Amino acid sequence: MILRQALSLASRGRLSIMIFHRVLAAPDPLLLQEPAAADFEALVIHLKRRFSVLPLAEGVRRLYDGTLPAGALSLTFDDGYTDNLAVAAPILARHGVPATVFIATGYLDGASMFNDTIIEAVRRAPAPALDLAEQGLAVHPVASDAERRAAIDAIIGQVKYRPPGERLAQAAAILRAAGAAPPAGLMLDRAGVRKLAGFGVDVGAHTVTHPILAESTPADAWREISDSKRDLEATTGAPLSLFAYPNGKPDADYKAEHVRMVREAGFAAAVTTAWGVASRDSDRLQLPRFTPWTRAPLKFDLMMLRNMRHGAEQRAA
């Protein structure tokens, strides 16, 4: 009861926005950060009891017009995975909980993101080691799940900040070195995008190829931002008002010029991966998001409370 009251008090006039990427049909030892269906459903039930879950567009509107309920919270998913529709959406609909999926349009209809290609290459690489010395990425032990997870983190960390075309080429080379076939069926197709609305799930843009905007030329960044909006509007037949910055760390992954581009492209709000909660003082084109990485309800609430206080401390500083 005390914790619930503390959450309610700390959240007044503020909007918590949560980030997810995938919801798996079953636990995956290489994707420990991604919840499986049973854990996600338990979290959704807990969120509905503890918070007032709103569609993100409504949450943002009510944030700035001063009508947010206590415990206001919105759920978001990044990238546009098939399991957002196949696994997460039915759970959300069953409990009457809305969400928003931010989609990188270049991976619709059969493509896969560079990080997923790397994950599947490491998953399928024969033990005891994956030799990527020829790619300049060292030799990685892969004899256990723990070693494979460590290899995935190390390789993705080395490749992430390269240009999109170079990232994809590097991922393809890693796939060949592992002797693995390209992953298939990970990302939504356009028919799937259109089906999300039937589950109460909105769509937002997340660029075309998920580049690090801070590493892109201005012309490329503008195309990534504006083309993703046009593509999704053509796909859904509806206007699009929400954007998520790829990777999303302010100043490191995107700059002030990209915030201006998002505004000029016609987006009403955009989200980052900076910790904290949104208040009326927040830039509506740089709203913070957060996900407590725990499945225990008490720890979850404590981490949510800590994040709310973190946001308050940032504004006071």
C-alpha atoms as a PDB file:
ATOM      1  CA  MET A   1       0.000   0.000   0.000  1.00  0.00           C
ATOM      2  CA  ILE A   2       2.789   2.457   0.906  1.00  0.00           C
ATOM      3  CA  LEU A   3       4.635   1.722  -2.340  1.00  0.00           C
ATOM      4  CA  ARG A   4       1.463   2.158  -4.367  1.00  0.00           C
ATOM      5  CA  GLN A   5       0.848   5.537  -2.734  1.00  0.00           C
ATOM      6  CA  ALA A   6       4.457   6.566  -3.367  1.00  0.00           C
ATOM      7  CA  LEU A   7       4.136   5.658  -7.055  1.00  0.00           C
ATOM      8  CA  SER A   8       0.878   7.574  -7.334  1.00  0.00           C
ATOM      9  CA  LEU A   9       2.343  10.659  -5.652  1.00  0.00           C
ATOM     10  CA  ALA A  10       5.599  10.589  -7.663  1.00  0.00           C
ATOM     11  CA  SER A  11       3.743  10.194 -10.956  1.00  0.00           C
ATOM     12  CA  ARG A  12       1.332  13.114 -10.638  1.00  0.00           C
ATOM     13  CA  GLY A  13       1.423  15.246 -13.754  1.00  0.00           C
ATOM     14  CA  ARG A  14       4.063  12.973 -15.268  1.00  0.00           C
ATOM     15  CA  LEU A  15       4.077  10.260 -17.921  1.00  0.00           C
ATOM     16  CA  SER A  16       6.174   7.097 -17.681  1.00  0.00           C
ATOM     17  CA  ILE A  17       6.987   5.549 -21.065  1.00  0.00           C
ATOM     18  CA  MET A  18       8.275   1.983 -21.186  1.00  0.00           C
ATOM     19  CA  ILE A  19      10.458   0.408 -23.898  1.00  0.00           C
ATOM     20  CA  PHE A  20      10.256  -3.142 -25.161  1.00  0.00           C
ATOM     21  CA  HIS A  21      11.571  -4.773 -28.309  1.00  0.00           C
ATOM     22  CA  ARG A  22      10.313  -8.345 -28.438  1.00  0.00           C
ATOM     23  CA  VAL A  23       7.967 -10.667 -26.562  1.00  0.00           C
ATOM     24  CA  LEU A  24       9.019 -14.265 -27.175  1.00  0.00           C
ATOM     25  CA  ALA A  25       6.711 -17.243 -27.424  1.00  0.00           C
ATOM     26  CA  ALA A  26       9.115 -19.113 -25.108  1.00  0.00           C
ATOM     27  CA  PRO A  27      12.262 -18.168 -23.146  1.00  0.00           C
ATOM     28  CA  ASP A  28      15.447 -17.934 -25.205  1.00  0.00           C
ATOM     29  CA  PRO A  29      18.817 -18.448 -23.439  1.00  0.00           C
ATOM     30  CA  LEU A  30      20.459 -16.001 -25.858  1.00  0.00           C
ATOM     31  CA  LEU A  31      17.822 -13.289 -25.365  1.00  0.00           C
ATOM     32  CA  LEU A  32      17.509 -13.043 -21.609  1.00  0.00           C
ATOM     33  CA  GLN A  33      16.585  -9.362 -21.839  1.00  0.00           C
ATOM     34  CA  GLU A  34      13.449 -10.159 -23.870  1.00  0.00           C
ATOM     35  CA  PRO A  35      10.415 -11.349 -21.872  1.00  0.00           C
ATOM     36  CA  ALA A  36       8.618 -14.537 -22.821  1.00  0.00           C
ATOM     37  CA  ALA A  37       4.835 -14.544 -23.155  1.00  0.00           C
ATOM     38  CA  ALA A  38       4.029 -15.714 -19.621  1.00  0.00           C
ATOM     39  CA  ASP A  39       6.307 -13.135 -17.986  1.00  0.00           C
ATOM     40  CA  PHE A  40       5.016 -10.373 -20.236  1.00  0.00           C
ATOM     41  CA  GLU A  41       1.400 -11.206 -19.433  1.00  0.00           C
ATOM     42  CA  ALA A  42       2.171 -11.158 -15.705  1.00  0.00           C
ATOM     43  CA  LEU A  43       3.754  -7.726 -16.157  1.00  0.00           C
ATOM     44  CA  VAL A  44       0.785  -6.422 -18.147  1.00  0.00           C
ATOM     45  CA  ILE A  45      -1.568  -7.556 -15.370  1.00  0.00           C
ATOM     46  CA  HIS A  46       0.632  -5.838 -12.794  1.00  0.00           C
ATOM     47  CA  LEU A  47       0.789  -2.634 -14.848  1.00  0.00           C
ATOM     48  CA  LYS A  48      -2.968  -2.522 -15.179  1.00  0.00           C
ATOM     49  CA  ARG A  49      -3.337  -2.810 -11.400  1.00  0.00           C
ATOM     50  CA  ARG A  50      -0.687  -0.225 -10.568  1.00  0.00           C
ATOM     51  CA  PHE A  51      -0.899   2.324 -13.392  1.00  0.00           C
ATOM     52  CA  SER A  52      -3.254   4.121 -15.765  1.00  0.00           C
ATOM     53  CA  VAL A  53      -2.033   2.771 -19.107  1.00  0.00           C
ATOM     54  CA  LEU A  54      -2.740   5.144 -22.007  1.00  0.00           C
ATOM     55  CA  PRO A  55      -2.000   5.094 -25.733  1.00  0.00           C
ATOM     56  CA  LEU A  56       1.180   7.119 -26.181  1.00  0.00           C
ATOM     57  CA  ALA A  57      -0.444   9.777 -28.361  1.00  0.00           C
ATOM     58  CA  GLU A  58      -3.174  10.299 -25.753  1.00  0.00           C
ATOM     59  CA  GLY A  59      -0.642  10.268 -22.935  1.00  0.00           C
ATOM     60  CA  VAL A  60       1.432  12.981 -24.612  1.00  0.00           C
ATOM     61  CA  ARG A  61      -1.640  15.111 -25.348  1.00  0.00           C
ATOM     62  CA  ARG A  62      -2.900  14.834 -21.774  1.00  0.00           C
ATOM     63  CA  LEU A  63       0.576  15.499 -20.378  1.00  0.00           C
ATOM     64  CA  TYR A  64       0.696  18.912 -21.991  1.00  0.00           C
ATOM     65  CA  ASP A  65      -2.937  19.875 -21.398  1.00  0.00           C
ATOM     66  CA  GLY A  66      -2.655  18.936 -17.721  1.00  0.00           C
ATOM     67  CA  THR A  67      -5.247  16.126 -17.627  1.00  0.00           C
ATOM     68  CA  LEU A  68      -3.055  13.085 -16.944  1.00  0.00           C
ATOM     69  CA  PRO A  69      -4.446  10.604 -14.421  1.00  0.00           C
ATOM     70  CA  ALA A  70      -2.251   9.484 -11.530  1.00  0.00           C
ATOM     71  CA  GLY A  71       0.124   6.709 -12.517  1.00  0.00           C
ATOM     72  CA  ALA A  72      -0.007   7.556 -16.228  1.00  0.00           C
ATOM     73  CA  LEU A  73       2.072   5.140 -18.288  1.00  0.00           C
ATOM     74  CA  SER A  74       2.465   4.193 -21.964  1.00  0.00           C
ATOM     75  CA  LEU A  75       3.995   1.065 -23.505  1.00  0.00           C
ATOM     76  CA  THR A  76       6.179   1.141 -26.609  1.00  0.00           C
ATOM     77  CA  PHE A  77       8.001  -1.430 -28.733  1.00  0.00           C
ATOM     78  CA  ASP A  78      10.925  -0.618 -31.020  1.00  0.00           C
ATOM     79  CA  ASP A  79      11.882  -1.992 -34.446  1.00  0.00           C
ATOM     80  CA  GLY A  80       8.783  -3.913 -35.579  1.00  0.00           C
ATOM     81  CA  TYR A  81       9.200  -7.598 -34.774  1.00  0.00           C
ATOM     82  CA  THR A  82       6.683 -10.222 -35.872  1.00  0.00           C
ATOM     83  CA  ASP A  83       6.209 -11.309 -32.276  1.00  0.00           C
ATOM     84  CA  ASN A  84       4.840  -7.847 -31.454  1.00  0.00           C
ATOM     85  CA  LEU A  85       1.782  -8.935 -33.440  1.00  0.00           C
ATOM     86  CA  ALA A  86       1.839 -12.694 -32.885  1.00  0.00           C
ATOM     87  CA  VAL A  87       2.640 -12.773 -29.154  1.00  0.00           C
ATOM     88  CA  ALA A  88       2.418  -9.346 -27.506  1.00  0.00           C
ATOM     89  CA  ALA A  89      -0.667  -7.913 -29.237  1.00  0.00           C
ATOM     90  CA  PRO A  90      -3.092 -10.684 -28.196  1.00  0.00           C
ATOM     91  CA  ILE A  91      -1.923 -10.381 -24.583  1.00  0.00           C
ATOM     92  CA  LEU A  92      -2.357  -6.619 -24.645  1.00  0.00           C
ATOM     93  CA  ALA A  93      -5.812  -6.908 -26.225  1.00  0.00           C
ATOM     94  CA  ARG A  94      -6.890  -9.562 -23.713  1.00  0.00           C
ATOM     95  CA  HIS A  95      -6.239  -7.128 -20.868  1.00  0.00           C
ATOM     96  CA  GLY A  96      -7.363  -3.966 -22.653  1.00  0.00           C
ATOM     97  CA  VAL A  97      -3.884  -2.426 -22.596  1.00  0.00           C
ATOM     98  CA  PRO A  98      -2.796  -0.166 -25.508  1.00  0.00           C
ATOM     99  CA  ALA A  99       0.718   0.152 -26.944  1.00  0.00           C
ATOM    100  CA  THR A 100       2.717   1.727 -29.764  1.00  0.00           C
ATOM    101  CA  VAL A 101       5.123  -0.101 -32.097  1.00  0.00           C
ATOM    102  CA  PHE A 102       7.902   1.983 -33.662  1.00  0.00           C
ATOM    103  CA  ILE A 103       8.841   0.412 -36.998  1.00  0.00           C
ATOM    104  CA  ALA A 104      12.070   0.602 -39.027  1.00  0.00           C
ATOM    105  CA  THR A 105      10.467   0.316 -42.459  1.00  0.00           C
ATOM    106  CA  GLY A 106      13.491  -1.005 -44.336  1.00  0.00           C
ATOM    107  CA  TYR A 107      13.177  -4.371 -42.602  1.00  0.00           C
ATOM    108  CA  LEU A 108       9.527  -5.036 -43.380  1.00  0.00           C
ATOM    109  CA  ASP A 109       8.571  -7.907 -45.663  1.00  0.00           C
ATOM    110  CA  GLY A 110      11.388 -10.362 -45.063  1.00  0.00           C
ATOM    111  CA  ALA A 111      14.558  -8.423 -44.217  1.00  0.00           C
ATOM    112  CA  SER A 112      16.350  -8.598 -40.865  1.00  0.00           C
ATOM    113  CA  MET A 113      18.287  -6.085 -38.805  1.00  0.00           C
ATOM    114  CA  PHE A 114      22.049  -6.419 -38.534  1.00  0.00           C
ATOM    115  CA  ASN A 115      21.946  -7.263 -34.826  1.00  0.00           C
ATOM    116  CA  ASP A 116      19.494 -10.108 -35.363  1.00  0.00           C
ATOM    117  CA  THR A 117      21.650 -11.486 -38.164  1.00  0.00           C
ATOM    118  CA  ILE A 118      24.611 -11.470 -35.769  1.00  0.00           C
ATOM    119  CA  ILE A 119      22.586 -13.126 -32.999  1.00  0.00           C
ATOM    120  CA  GLU A 120      21.445 -15.927 -35.283  1.00  0.00           C
ATOM    121  CA  ALA A 121      24.957 -16.392 -36.689  1.00  0.00           C
ATOM    122  CA  VAL A 122      26.362 -16.827 -33.188  1.00  0.00           C
ATOM    123  CA  ARG A 123      23.477 -19.108 -32.226  1.00  0.00           C
ATOM    124  CA  ARG A 124      24.211 -21.445 -35.146  1.00  0.00           C
ATOM    125  CA  ALA A 125      28.016 -21.269 -35.093  1.00  0.00           C
ATOM    126  CA  PRO A 126      29.557 -24.668 -34.302  1.00  0.00           C
ATOM    127  CA  ALA A 127      31.432 -24.892 -30.991  1.00  0.00           C
ATOM    128  CA  PRO A 128      33.963 -24.317 -29.633  1.00  0.00           C
ATOM    129  CA  ALA A 129      34.737 -20.973 -31.308  1.00  0.00           C
ATOM    130  CA  LEU A 130      33.565 -18.515 -33.969  1.00  0.00           C
ATOM    131  CA  ASP A 131      36.604 -17.202 -35.819  1.00  0.00           C
ATOM    132  CA  LEU A 132      35.983 -13.660 -37.074  1.00  0.00           C
ATOM    133  CA  ALA A 133      39.621 -12.624 -37.268  1.00  0.00           C
ATOM    134  CA  GLU A 134      39.313 -12.201 -41.020  1.00  0.00           C
ATOM    135  CA  GLN A 135      36.535  -9.649 -40.400  1.00  0.00           C
ATOM    136  CA  GLY A 136      38.669  -7.850 -37.805  1.00  0.00           C
ATOM    137  CA  LEU A 137      36.368  -9.016 -35.009  1.00  0.00           C
ATOM    138  CA  ALA A 138      38.596 -11.534 -33.172  1.00  0.00           C
ATOM    139  CA  VAL A 139      37.846 -15.118 -32.186  1.00  0.00           C
ATOM    140  CA  HIS A 140      34.916 -15.733 -29.838  1.00  0.00           C
ATOM    141  CA  PRO A 141      34.330 -18.869 -27.739  1.00  0.00           C
ATOM    142  CA  VAL A 142      30.817 -20.251 -28.277  1.00  0.00           C
ATOM    143  CA  ALA A 143      30.821 -23.514 -26.306  1.00  0.00           C
ATOM    144  CA  SER A 144      28.026 -22.448 -23.901  1.00  0.00           C
ATOM    145  CA  ASP A 145      25.028 -20.130 -23.824  1.00  0.00           C
ATOM    146  CA  ALA A 146      26.960 -17.729 -21.602  1.00  0.00           C
ATOM    147  CA  GLU A 147      29.841 -17.607 -24.088  1.00  0.00           C
ATOM    148  CA  ARG A 148      27.432 -17.085 -26.969  1.00  0.00           C
ATOM    149  CA  ARG A 149      25.756 -14.197 -25.132  1.00  0.00           C
ATOM    150  CA  ALA A 150      29.141 -12.623 -24.453  1.00  0.00           C
ATOM    151  CA  ALA A 151      30.118 -13.049 -28.110  1.00  0.00           C
ATOM    152  CA  ILE A 152      26.862 -11.432 -29.272  1.00  0.00           C
ATOM    153  CA  ASP A 153      27.379  -8.415 -27.002  1.00  0.00           C
ATOM    154  CA  ALA A 154      30.999  -7.972 -28.068  1.00  0.00           C
ATOM    155  CA  ILE A 155      30.355  -8.288 -31.803  1.00  0.00           C
ATOM    156  CA  ILE A 156      27.289  -6.047 -31.868  1.00  0.00           C
ATOM    157  CA  GLY A 157      29.171  -3.456 -29.814  1.00  0.00           C
ATOM    158  CA  GLN A 158      31.915  -3.368 -32.448  1.00  0.00           C
ATOM    159  CA  VAL A 159      29.532  -3.142 -35.403  1.00  0.00           C
ATOM    160  CA  LYS A 160      26.679  -0.949 -34.135  1.00  0.00           C
ATOM    161  CA  TYR A 161      28.134   2.470 -34.930  1.00  0.00           C
ATOM    162  CA  ARG A 162      29.182   1.679 -38.491  1.00  0.00           C
ATOM    163  CA  PRO A 163      27.147   3.018 -41.449  1.00  0.00           C
ATOM    164  CA  PRO A 164      24.000   0.967 -42.192  1.00  0.00           C
ATOM    165  CA  GLY A 165      25.336  -0.549 -45.425  1.00  0.00           C
ATOM    166  CA  GLU A 166      28.618  -1.506 -43.776  1.00  0.00           C
ATOM    167  CA  ARG A 167      26.782  -2.990 -40.801  1.00  0.00           C
ATOM    168  CA  LEU A 168      24.681  -5.214 -43.041  1.00  0.00           C
ATOM    169  CA  ALA A 169      27.736  -6.314 -45.044  1.00  0.00           C
ATOM    170  CA  GLN A 170      29.611  -7.105 -41.838  1.00  0.00           C
ATOM    171  CA  ALA A 171      26.638  -9.073 -40.494  1.00  0.00           C
ATOM    172  CA  ALA A 172      26.446 -11.061 -43.735  1.00  0.00           C
ATOM    173  CA  ALA A 173      30.164 -11.866 -43.484  1.00  0.00           C
ATOM    174  CA  ILE A 174      29.683 -13.061 -39.907  1.00  0.00           C
ATOM    175  CA  LEU A 175      26.801 -15.243 -41.058  1.00  0.00           C
ATOM    176  CA  ARG A 176      29.021 -16.847 -43.698  1.00  0.00           C
ATOM    177  CA  ALA A 177      31.798 -17.421 -41.181  1.00  0.00           C
ATOM    178  CA  ALA A 178      29.304 -19.192 -38.925  1.00  0.00           C
ATOM    179  CA  GLY A 179      28.028 -21.318 -41.794  1.00  0.00           C
ATOM    180  CA  ALA A 180      24.479 -20.184 -41.033  1.00  0.00           C
ATOM    181  CA  ALA A 181      21.481 -19.294 -43.202  1.00  0.00           C
ATOM    182  CA  PRO A 182      20.003 -15.776 -42.971  1.00  0.00           C
ATOM    183  CA  PRO A 183      17.254 -15.445 -40.354  1.00  0.00           C
ATOM    184  CA  ALA A 184      13.721 -15.282 -41.732  1.00  0.00           C
ATOM    185  CA  GLY A 185      10.371 -14.137 -40.429  1.00  0.00           C
ATOM    186  CA  LEU A 186      11.654 -11.968 -37.596  1.00  0.00           C
ATOM    187  CA  MET A 187      10.168  -8.677 -38.761  1.00  0.00           C
ATOM    188  CA  LEU A 188       6.621  -7.656 -39.573  1.00  0.00           C
ATOM    189  CA  ASP A 189       5.345  -7.473 -43.122  1.00  0.00           C
ATOM    190  CA  ARG A 190       3.047  -4.665 -44.240  1.00  0.00           C
ATOM    191  CA  ALA A 191      -0.065  -6.776 -43.805  1.00  0.00           C
ATOM    192  CA  GLY A 192       1.015  -7.366 -40.212  1.00  0.00           C
ATOM    193  CA  VAL A 193       1.505  -3.641 -39.659  1.00  0.00           C
ATOM    194  CA  ARG A 194      -2.089  -3.050 -40.714  1.00  0.00           C
ATOM    195  CA  LYS A 195      -3.337  -5.770 -38.346  1.00  0.00           C
ATOM    196  CA  LEU A 196      -1.863  -4.089 -35.260  1.00  0.00           C
ATOM    197  CA  ALA A 197      -4.687  -1.566 -35.059  1.00  0.00           C
ATOM    198  CA  GLY A 198      -7.183  -4.376 -34.490  1.00  0.00           C
ATOM    199  CA  PHE A 199      -5.408  -5.143 -31.199  1.00  0.00           C
ATOM    200  CA  GLY A 200      -5.358  -1.528 -30.009  1.00  0.00           C
ATOM    201  CA  VAL A 201      -1.726  -1.070 -31.022  1.00  0.00           C
ATOM    202  CA  ASP A 202      -0.669   2.171 -32.720  1.00  0.00           C
ATOM    203  CA  VAL A 203       2.222   2.608 -35.152  1.00  0.00           C
ATOM    204  CA  GLY A 204       5.110   5.074 -35.034  1.00  0.00           C
ATOM    205  CA  ALA A 205       8.183   5.621 -37.217  1.00  0.00           C
ATOM    206  CA  HIS A 206      11.704   4.490 -36.332  1.00  0.00           C
ATOM    207  CA  THR A 207      13.565   5.493 -39.545  1.00  0.00           C
ATOM    208  CA  VAL A 208      14.152   3.225 -42.545  1.00  0.00           C
ATOM    209  CA  THR A 209      17.389   1.363 -41.753  1.00  0.00           C
ATOM    210  CA  HIS A 210      17.800   2.199 -38.037  1.00  0.00           C
ATOM    211  CA  PRO A 211      21.025   4.207 -38.460  1.00  0.00           C
ATOM    212  CA  ILE A 212      22.831   6.091 -35.739  1.00  0.00           C
ATOM    213  CA  LEU A 213      21.622   9.513 -36.862  1.00  0.00           C
ATOM    214  CA  ALA A 214      24.610  11.266 -35.291  1.00  0.00           C
ATOM    215  CA  GLU A 215      26.857   9.255 -37.646  1.00  0.00           C
ATOM    216  CA  SER A 216      24.731  10.013 -40.737  1.00  0.00           C
ATOM    217  CA  THR A 217      25.008  12.857 -43.221  1.00  0.00           C
ATOM    218  CA  PRO A 218      22.231  15.478 -42.926  1.00  0.00           C
ATOM    219  CA  ALA A 219      20.756  14.358 -46.245  1.00  0.00           C
ATOM    220  CA  ASP A 220      20.746  10.699 -45.225  1.00  0.00           C
ATOM    221  CA  ALA A 221      19.268  11.494 -41.809  1.00  0.00           C
ATOM    222  CA  TRP A 222      16.463  13.506 -43.389  1.00  0.00           C
ATOM    223  CA  ARG A 223      15.635  10.691 -45.802  1.00  0.00           C
ATOM    224  CA  GLU A 224      15.622   8.149 -42.967  1.00  0.00           C
ATOM    225  CA  ILE A 225      13.231  10.235 -40.880  1.00  0.00           C
ATOM    226  CA  SER A 226      10.871  11.496 -43.579  1.00  0.00           C
ATOM    227  CA  ASP A 227      10.761   8.360 -45.759  1.00  0.00           C
ATOM    228  CA  SER A 228       9.817   6.132 -42.819  1.00  0.00           C
ATOM    229  CA  LYS A 229       6.877   8.420 -42.059  1.00  0.00           C
ATOM    230  CA  ARG A 230       5.656   8.443 -45.659  1.00  0.00           C
ATOM    231  CA  ASP A 231       6.038   4.665 -46.012  1.00  0.00           C
ATOM    232  CA  LEU A 232       4.059   3.895 -42.849  1.00  0.00           C
ATOM    233  CA  GLU A 233       1.354   6.404 -43.706  1.00  0.00           C
ATOM    234  CA  ALA A 234       0.972   4.762 -47.111  1.00  0.00           C
ATOM    235  CA  THR A 235       0.920   1.323 -45.465  1.00  0.00           C
ATOM    236  CA  THR A 236      -1.672   2.134 -42.804  1.00  0.00           C
ATOM    237  CA  GLY A 237      -3.672   4.753 -44.681  1.00  0.00           C
ATOM    238  CA  ALA A 238      -3.536   7.014 -41.618  1.00  0.00           C
ATOM    239  CA  PRO A 239      -1.441  10.014 -40.544  1.00  0.00           C
ATOM    240  CA  LEU A 240       1.555   9.286 -38.325  1.00  0.00           C
ATOM    241  CA  SER A 241       2.509  11.537 -35.413  1.00  0.00           C
ATOM    242  CA  LEU A 242       5.058   9.585 -33.319  1.00  0.00           C
ATOM    243  CA  PHE A 243       8.787   8.939 -33.833  1.00  0.00           C
ATOM    244  CA  ALA A 244      11.500   7.030 -31.936  1.00  0.00           C
ATOM    245  CA  TYR A 245      15.204   7.847 -32.369  1.00  0.00           C
ATOM    246  CA  PRO A 246      17.279   4.749 -33.216  1.00  0.00           C
ATOM    247  CA  ASN A 247      19.387   3.715 -30.234  1.00  0.00           C
ATOM    248  CA  GLY A 248      18.041   6.902 -28.740  1.00  0.00           C
ATOM    249  CA  LYS A 249      20.730   8.339 -26.462  1.00  0.00           C
ATOM    250  CA  PRO A 250      20.632  12.166 -26.637  1.00  0.00           C
ATOM    251  CA  ASP A 251      23.789  13.790 -28.025  1.00  0.00           C
ATOM    252  CA  ALA A 252      25.444  10.407 -28.594  1.00  0.00           C
ATOM    253  CA  ASP A 253      22.978   8.803 -31.043  1.00  0.00           C
ATOM    254  CA  TYR A 254      21.169  11.902 -32.292  1.00  0.00           C
ATOM    255  CA  LYS A 255      21.777  15.647 -32.158  1.00  0.00           C
ATOM    256  CA  ALA A 256      19.760  18.856 -32.035  1.00  0.00           C
ATOM    257  CA  GLU A 257      19.690  18.979 -35.845  1.00  0.00           C
ATOM    258  CA  HIS A 258      17.845  15.655 -35.902  1.00  0.00           C
ATOM    259  CA  VAL A 259      15.257  16.958 -33.440  1.00  0.00           C
ATOM    260  CA  ARG A 260      14.651  19.812 -35.900  1.00  0.00           C
ATOM    261  CA  MET A 261      14.287  17.298 -38.734  1.00  0.00           C
ATOM    262  CA  VAL A 262      11.730  15.311 -36.753  1.00  0.00           C
ATOM    263  CA  ARG A 263       9.734  18.497 -36.207  1.00  0.00           C
ATOM    264  CA  GLU A 264       9.998  19.520 -39.870  1.00  0.00           C
ATOM    265  CA  ALA A 265       8.884  16.053 -40.982  1.00  0.00           C
ATOM    266  CA  GLY A 266       5.601  16.656 -39.168  1.00  0.00           C
ATOM    267  CA  PHE A 267       5.897  14.502 -36.053  1.00  0.00           C
ATOM    268  CA  ALA A 268       4.001  15.718 -32.982  1.00  0.00           C
ATOM    269  CA  ALA A 269       6.114  13.800 -30.428  1.00  0.00           C
ATOM    270  CA  ALA A 270       9.272  11.695 -30.301  1.00  0.00           C
ATOM    271  CA  VAL A 271      10.847   9.375 -27.747  1.00  0.00           C
ATOM    272  CA  THR A 272      14.428   8.688 -26.696  1.00  0.00           C
ATOM    273  CA  THR A 273      16.104   6.055 -24.513  1.00  0.00           C
ATOM    274  CA  ALA A 274      17.145   8.536 -21.832  1.00  0.00           C
ATOM    275  CA  TRP A 275      16.001   7.517 -18.359  1.00  0.00           C
ATOM    276  CA  GLY A 276      13.351   9.505 -16.542  1.00  0.00           C
ATOM    277  CA  VAL A 277       9.693  10.402 -16.908  1.00  0.00           C
ATOM    278  CA  ALA A 278       8.081  13.096 -19.011  1.00  0.00           C
ATOM    279  CA  SER A 279       6.663  16.236 -17.446  1.00  0.00           C
ATOM    280  CA  ARG A 280       5.177  19.400 -18.934  1.00  0.00           C
ATOM    281  CA  ASP A 281       8.729  20.786 -18.888  1.00  0.00           C
ATOM    282  CA  SER A 282       9.941  17.999 -21.205  1.00  0.00           C
ATOM    283  CA  ASP A 283      10.647  18.629 -24.874  1.00  0.00           C
ATOM    284  CA  ARG A 284       7.819  16.763 -26.603  1.00  0.00           C
ATOM    285  CA  LEU A 285      10.295  15.727 -29.312  1.00  0.00           C
ATOM    286  CA  GLN A 286      12.703  14.219 -26.743  1.00  0.00           C
ATOM    287  CA  LEU A 287      10.544  12.317 -24.283  1.00  0.00           C
ATOM    288  CA  PRO A 288      12.415   9.918 -21.956  1.00  0.00           C
ATOM    289  CA  ARG A 289      11.689   6.175 -21.788  1.00  0.00           C
ATOM    290  CA  PHE A 290      12.658   3.445 -19.401  1.00  0.00           C
ATOM    291  CA  THR A 291      12.183  -0.268 -18.752  1.00  0.00           C
ATOM    292  CA  PRO A 292      12.969  -1.874 -15.395  1.00  0.00           C
ATOM    293  CA  TRP A 293      14.691  -5.157 -16.259  1.00  0.00           C
ATOM    294  CA  THR A 294      13.085  -7.298 -13.591  1.00  0.00           C
ATOM    295  CA  ARG A 295      10.165  -9.718 -13.435  1.00  0.00           C
ATOM    296  CA  ALA A 296       9.604  -9.433  -9.675  1.00  0.00           C
ATOM    297  CA  PRO A 297       6.656  -7.061  -8.944  1.00  0.00           C
ATOM    298  CA  LEU A 298       8.214  -5.448  -5.853  1.00  0.00           C
ATOM    299  CA  LYS A 299      11.546  -4.816  -7.575  1.00  0.00           C
ATOM    300  CA  PHE A 300       9.701  -3.543 -10.623  1.00  0.00           C
ATOM    301  CA  ASP A 301       7.788  -0.958  -8.580  1.00  0.00           C
ATOM    302  CA  LEU A 302      10.945   0.122  -6.765  1.00  0.00           C
ATOM    303  CA  MET A 303      12.787   0.600 -10.051  1.00  0.00           C
ATOM    304  CA  MET A 304       9.853   2.554 -11.492  1.00  0.00           C
ATOM    305  CA  LEU A 305       9.878   4.793  -8.419  1.00  0.00           C
ATOM    306  CA  ARG A 306      13.627   5.270  -8.719  1.00  0.00           C
ATOM    307  CA  ASN A 307      13.218   6.235 -12.373  1.00  0.00           C
ATOM    308  CA  MET A 308      10.541   8.794 -11.483  1.00  0.00           C
ATOM    309  CA  ARG A 309      12.860  10.329  -8.891  1.00  0.00           C
ATOM    310  CA  HIS A 310      15.743  10.242 -11.389  1.00  0.00           C
ATOM    311  CA  GLY A 311      13.653  12.362 -13.749  1.00  0.00           C
ATOM    312  CA  ALA A 312      12.811  14.821 -10.989  1.00  0.00           C
ATOM    313  CA  GLU A 313      16.489  15.136 -10.022  1.00  0.00           C
ATOM    314  CA  GLN A 314      17.456  15.833 -13.648  1.00  0.00           C
ATOM    315  CA  ARG A 315      14.957  18.703 -13.885  1.00  0.00           C
ATOM    316  CA  ALA A 316      16.117  20.164 -10.569  1.00  0.00           C
ATOM    317  CA  ALA A 317      19.796  20.063 -11.542  1.00  0.00           C
END
